[in-house]
């Protein structure tokens, strides 16, 4: 059930981006917020890396957020990379599913804070659900489309 809900929310993010141009994906229609659909996609990629991928590699770094650009997921999203960013998120889903399938729900991870695979699923579900609300607002501002 956890996997199914996470997959549903993941697919919903891509659905919110469907049919838009790279310029629309990178647009920031809710000034003064720097959030764009491309930025949300990049942020969710970071969440996949930080919580699912690190189950297999605790030292894995983030992809967009760096010491020089700590908000690189949102701030550095651009028209130039928007479509590639969506493709990268999809690739991360596949890797997350592969990693998560290798564990049981009650297996524990983490150094200082012990978390289970169940916690990881719930955390990712929370991240996607939370940001889908933002995606709804952004999409409506871009072209008036609403709904699931």
Foldseek 3Di string as FASTA:
>chain_A
DLVVLLVVLLVLLVVLVPPDALQLQCDDLDPPDLAGSLLLLLVLLQLLCCQQVCVVPVPDDRDQADPVRNSRSRNVRGSVCSVVSSVSSVVSVVVSVVRLVVDDQADWDDDPDTDGSVVSSVVSSVSSVVCSVVSQVSSCSRPNDHDD
